[in-house]
């Protein structure tokens, strides 16, 4: 079996691509009757760059290759597509979209979900309601309570510094906790917008509110900062990974104990 074609499509809904994130859909076609599909989210205004990278830089590295050799093809794209530079930045996102399509092919050939191919398959997973609405604390608390009334056992709110100050984030935590009661898990995501000192200070202030996890407390590149925050986090789990990419970054986060949960 060989890869014969890589096709890229861009979707941005009814909005202009320059104003909204796009979904980039990558289809990998083989010389057999099976194909695979992968996806990437492109920031506003760069969907065309994603397409050019995939079509002109990455796809030529895998054409005529066996799609089942996922690890080898990932390494080929990462190491050889841009010599001496590696597949960093948005290149890694584009590699991931192709890699996803290759795993899709592998799952279809084996006639099993990709989750089973990867291992660790579970029938049930815990969920939470994303209550990260940009609204005043009292309205946010009311919305959170409505989610609990619908049966949700865990909620996540946002405290990103570009939207609220740390003190305002604390007020959001306080009002939401009072509204949902003590038995519902409450998580906070700050999108990497704090520094280490702010994160530690906020965790101390939040001790009475039993915050289950703090997500992305510091910038994604501040790996030592993650370790410092986690060491002072008390009973709150430290979560990260949304802005990280690649096996090496996640290996560092996990093996060196910088995060409790990978998001």
Protein backbone atom coordinates (compact mmCIF):
# COMPACT_ATOMS: atom_id res chain seq x y z
CA UNK A 1 0.00 0.00 0.00
CA UNK A 2 1.23 3.48 -0.90
CA UNK A 3 0.19 7.06 -0.26
CA UNK A 4 -0.87 8.59 -3.55
CA UNK A 5 -2.31 12.00 -2.70
CA UNK A 6 -2.68 14.48 0.16
CA UNK A 7 -5.61 16.88 -0.12
CA UNK A 8 -6.20 19.98 2.03
CA UNK A 9 -9.46 21.85 2.58
CA UNK A 10 -10.15 24.90 4.73
CA UNK A 11 -13.34 25.73 6.61
CA UNK A 12 -14.17 28.94 8.44
CA UNK A 13 -17.96 28.87 8.64
CA UNK A 14 -19.75 32.02 7.56
CA UNK A 15 -17.02 34.37 8.83
CA UNK A 16 -14.11 35.74 6.86
CA UNK A 17 -10.93 33.66 7.36
CA UNK A 18 -8.99 36.74 8.49
CA UNK A 19 -11.30 37.18 11.49
CA UNK A 20 -11.81 33.68 12.83
CA UNK A 21 -9.91 30.45 13.33
CA UNK A 22 -10.18 27.92 10.53
CA UNK A 23 -10.46 24.16 10.54
CA UNK A 24 -7.96 22.64 8.14
CA UNK A 25 -9.02 19.17 6.96
CA UNK A 26 -6.32 16.87 5.60
CA UNK A 27 -7.23 13.78 3.57
CA UNK A 28 -4.61 11.15 2.75
CA UNK A 29 -5.46 8.83 -0.15
CA UNK A 30 -3.81 5.50 -0.87
CA UNK A 31 -3.64 3.24 -3.90
CA UNK A 32 -6.14 0.98 -2.15
CA UNK A 33 -9.74 1.60 -1.16
CA UNK A 34 -8.91 3.25 2.17
CA UNK A 35 -8.21 6.89 3.02
CA UNK A 36 -7.72 8.82 6.24
CA UNK A 37 -8.71 12.22 7.56
CA UNK A 38 -6.98 14.53 10.01
CA UNK A 39 -7.69 18.00 11.33
CA UNK A 40 -5.87 21.11 12.52
CA UNK A 41 -7.10 24.39 13.95
CA UNK A 42 -5.45 27.35 12.22
CA UNK A 43 -5.34 30.75 13.96
CA UNK A 44 -7.08 33.61 12.15
CA UNK A 45 -5.34 34.62 8.95
CA UNK A 46 -2.92 31.70 8.60
CA UNK A 47 -5.08 28.93 7.11
CA UNK A 48 -3.46 29.53 3.72
CA UNK A 49 -0.02 29.09 5.28
CA UNK A 50 -1.11 25.78 6.80
CA UNK A 51 -2.28 24.64 3.40
CA UNK A 52 0.97 25.63 1.70
CA UNK A 53 3.08 23.90 4.35
CA UNK A 54 1.11 20.68 4.05
CA UNK A 55 0.89 20.61 0.26
CA UNK A 56 4.33 21.93 -0.65
CA UNK A 57 6.59 20.92 2.26
CA UNK A 58 5.18 17.95 4.17
CA UNK A 59 3.18 15.96 1.63
CA UNK A 60 6.18 15.38 -0.69
CA UNK A 61 7.96 13.68 2.21
CA UNK A 62 5.35 10.92 2.48
CA UNK A 63 4.11 10.33 -1.08
CA UNK A 64 4.68 6.76 -2.28
CA UNK A 65 5.37 5.66 1.32
CA UNK A 66 3.49 3.00 3.28
CA UNK A 67 0.85 4.85 5.39
CA UNK A 68 1.07 2.21 8.11
CA UNK A 69 4.59 3.32 9.04
CA UNK A 70 3.27 6.15 11.19
CA UNK A 71 6.34 6.60 13.40
CA UNK A 72 8.76 6.60 10.49
CA UNK A 73 6.68 9.06 8.52
CA UNK A 74 6.31 11.39 11.50
CA UNK A 75 10.08 11.39 11.95
CA UNK A 76 10.60 11.98 8.24
CA UNK A 77 8.30 15.01 8.26
CA UNK A 78 9.75 16.39 11.49
CA UNK A 79 13.43 15.92 10.64
CA UNK A 80 13.61 16.22 6.87
CA UNK A 81 10.85 18.56 5.76
CA UNK A 82 12.77 21.64 6.93
CA UNK A 83 16.43 20.53 7.18
CA UNK A 84 18.37 21.64 10.29
CA UNK A 85 15.32 23.45 11.63
CA UNK A 86 13.03 20.59 12.54
CA UNK A 87 9.26 20.62 12.57
CA UNK A 88 8.68 23.36 15.13
CA UNK A 89 5.96 25.98 15.53
CA UNK A 90 2.98 25.69 13.24
CA UNK A 91 4.82 23.03 11.23
CA UNK A 92 4.17 20.61 14.09
CA UNK A 93 0.46 21.34 13.96
CA UNK A 94 0.45 20.54 10.25
CA UNK A 95 2.44 17.35 10.87
CA UNK A 96 -0.14 16.37 13.48
CA UNK A 97 -3.00 16.72 10.97
CA UNK A 98 -1.25 14.36 8.55
CA UNK A 99 -0.29 11.99 11.36
CA UNK A 100 -3.92 11.86 12.46
CA UNK A 101 -4.97 10.90 8.95
CA UNK A 102 -2.36 8.13 8.86
CA UNK A 103 -3.63 6.69 12.13
CA UNK A 104 -7.15 6.89 10.71
CA UNK A 105 -5.99 4.70 7.82
CA UNK A 106 -4.39 2.23 10.22
CA UNK A 107 -7.58 1.98 12.28
CA UNK A 108 -9.73 1.43 9.19
CA UNK A 109 -7.42 -1.29 7.93
CA UNK A 110 -7.63 -3.11 11.26
CA UNK A 111 -11.38 -2.39 11.48
CA UNK A 112 -11.07 -1.03 15.02
CA UNK A 113 -11.28 2.46 16.53
CA UNK A 114 -7.95 4.29 16.66
CA UNK A 115 -8.33 4.46 20.45
CA UNK A 116 -7.89 0.70 20.56
CA UNK A 117 -4.91 0.82 18.22
CA UNK A 118 -3.23 3.35 20.50
CA UNK A 119 -4.07 1.36 23.64
CA UNK A 120 -5.62 2.43 26.92
CA UNK A 121 -9.14 2.21 25.52
CA UNK A 122 -11.95 2.93 28.00
CA UNK A 123 -15.70 2.74 27.59
CA UNK A 124 -16.36 5.67 29.92
CA UNK A 125 -14.44 8.84 30.75
CA UNK A 126 -15.23 11.58 33.29
CA UNK A 127 -16.43 14.85 31.77
CA UNK A 128 -16.80 18.47 32.82
CA UNK A 129 -18.90 21.38 31.60
CA UNK A 130 -16.92 24.27 30.15
CA UNK A 131 -18.42 27.26 31.89
CA UNK A 132 -15.74 29.69 30.68
CA UNK A 133 -18.18 32.37 29.66
CA UNK A 134 -17.10 36.00 29.58
CA UNK A 135 -19.68 37.42 31.95
CA UNK A 136 -19.78 39.08 35.39
CA UNK A 137 -19.21 36.82 38.42
CA UNK A 138 -22.86 36.76 39.50
CA UNK A 139 -24.08 35.80 36.03
CA UNK A 140 -21.32 33.22 35.71
CA UNK A 141 -22.33 31.70 39.04
CA UNK A 142 -25.94 31.50 37.90
CA UNK A 143 -24.89 29.80 34.67
CA UNK A 144 -22.68 27.36 36.57
CA UNK A 145 -25.56 26.43 38.87
CA UNK A 146 -27.74 25.74 35.83
CA UNK A 147 -25.15 23.27 34.55
CA UNK A 148 -25.10 21.49 37.88
CA UNK A 149 -28.89 21.29 37.78
CA UNK A 150 -28.54 19.47 34.46
CA UNK A 151 -26.41 16.82 36.11
CA UNK A 152 -22.83 17.97 35.60
CA UNK A 153 -20.47 16.93 38.39
CA UNK A 154 -17.53 19.14 37.35
CA UNK A 155 -17.19 22.65 35.91
CA UNK A 156 -14.37 24.73 34.47
CA UNK A 157 -14.24 28.51 34.46
CA UNK A 158 -11.68 30.91 33.05
CA UNK A 159 -9.45 33.41 34.82
CA UNK A 160 -7.24 34.53 31.96
CA UNK A 161 -5.33 37.72 32.76
CA UNK A 162 -6.21 39.31 29.42
CA UNK A 163 -9.84 39.15 30.51
CA UNK A 164 -9.86 39.52 34.30
CA UNK A 165 -7.38 40.56 36.98
CA UNK A 166 -6.25 37.95 39.53
CA UNK A 167 -8.55 39.53 42.13
CA UNK A 168 -11.47 39.37 39.71
CA UNK A 169 -10.60 35.75 39.02
CA UNK A 170 -10.82 35.07 42.75
CA UNK A 171 -14.24 36.68 42.91
CA UNK A 172 -15.40 34.46 40.07
CA UNK A 173 -14.13 31.40 41.93
CA UNK A 174 -15.83 32.49 45.15
CA UNK A 175 -19.22 33.17 43.63
CA UNK A 176 -19.24 30.03 41.49
CA UNK A 177 -18.25 27.83 44.43
CA UNK A 178 -21.02 29.33 46.56
CA UNK A 179 -23.51 28.70 43.76
CA UNK A 180 -22.59 25.08 43.00
CA UNK A 181 -21.95 23.84 46.52
CA UNK A 182 -19.01 21.87 47.94
CA UNK A 183 -19.46 18.57 46.10
CA UNK A 184 -19.00 19.69 42.48
CA UNK A 185 -15.45 19.79 41.14
CA UNK A 186 -14.38 23.32 40.18
CA UNK A 187 -11.48 23.87 37.77
CA UNK A 188 -9.91 27.13 36.59
CA UNK A 189 -8.06 27.75 33.31
CA UNK A 190 -5.84 30.83 33.01
CA UNK A 191 -4.39 29.99 29.57
CA UNK A 192 -0.76 30.44 30.61
CA UNK A 193 -1.30 34.12 31.41
CA UNK A 194 0.20 34.24 34.92
CA UNK A 195 3.74 34.09 36.23
CA UNK A 196 4.91 31.76 38.99
CA UNK A 197 4.43 34.20 41.87
CA UNK A 198 0.89 35.10 40.82
CA UNK A 199 -0.07 31.44 40.45
CA UNK A 200 1.22 30.55 43.91
CA UNK A 201 -0.49 33.57 45.49
CA UNK A 202 -3.79 32.74 43.83
CA UNK A 203 -3.65 29.12 44.91
CA UNK A 204 -3.26 30.26 48.51
CA UNK A 205 -6.26 32.57 48.18
CA UNK A 206 -8.32 29.77 46.66
CA UNK A 207 -7.69 27.21 49.39
CA UNK A 208 -11.13 27.82 51.00
CA UNK A 209 -12.85 27.15 47.66
CA UNK A 210 -11.39 23.70 47.00
CA UNK A 211 -10.28 24.29 43.41
CA UNK A 212 -9.76 20.86 41.86
CA UNK A 213 -7.25 21.95 39.22
CA UNK A 214 -5.47 25.02 37.90
CA UNK A 215 -4.89 24.75 34.17
CA UNK A 216 -1.91 26.33 32.42
CA UNK A 217 -0.82 28.52 35.33
CA UNK A 218 2.23 29.87 33.47
CA UNK A 219 3.38 30.31 29.88
CA UNK A 220 3.83 27.02 28.00
CA UNK A 221 7.55 27.61 27.57
CA UNK A 222 8.12 28.09 31.30
CA UNK A 223 8.64 24.41 32.12
CA UNK A 224 10.63 25.16 35.33
CA UNK A 225 7.77 27.47 36.32
CA UNK A 226 5.32 24.58 36.12
CA UNK A 227 7.52 22.65 38.54
CA UNK A 228 7.68 25.53 41.01
CA UNK A 229 3.91 26.04 40.96
CA UNK A 230 3.20 22.33 41.35
CA UNK A 231 5.51 22.13 44.36
CA UNK A 232 3.39 24.80 46.10
CA UNK A 233 -0.05 23.78 44.82
CA UNK A 234 -1.27 21.95 47.92
CA UNK A 235 -4.34 19.86 47.13
CA UNK A 236 -4.94 21.49 43.74
CA UNK A 237 -3.85 19.55 40.66
CA UNK A 238 -1.71 21.38 38.10
CA UNK A 239 -2.77 20.78 34.51
CA UNK A 240 -1.04 21.61 31.24
CA UNK A 241 -0.46 20.58 27.67
CA UNK A 242 -3.04 22.44 25.60
CA UNK A 243 -0.36 24.72 24.15
CA UNK A 244 2.31 22.04 23.96
CA UNK A 245 2.99 19.74 21.04
CA UNK A 246 5.16 16.78 20.27
CA UNK A 247 6.35 13.72 22.13
CA UNK A 248 9.47 15.37 23.54
CA UNK A 249 7.61 18.24 25.22
CA UNK A 250 5.05 15.93 26.78
CA UNK A 251 7.72 13.49 27.90
CA UNK A 252 9.41 16.33 29.77
CA UNK A 253 6.15 17.47 31.37
CA UNK A 254 5.20 13.97 32.50
CA UNK A 255 8.48 12.27 33.37
CA UNK A 256 9.84 15.24 35.30
CA UNK A 257 6.58 15.64 37.19
CA UNK A 258 5.73 19.18 36.11
CA UNK A 259 2.00 18.46 35.76
CA UNK A 260 -0.50 16.16 37.44
CA UNK A 261 -2.84 15.92 34.46
CA UNK A 262 -2.17 16.39 30.74
CA UNK A 263 -4.93 18.37 29.07
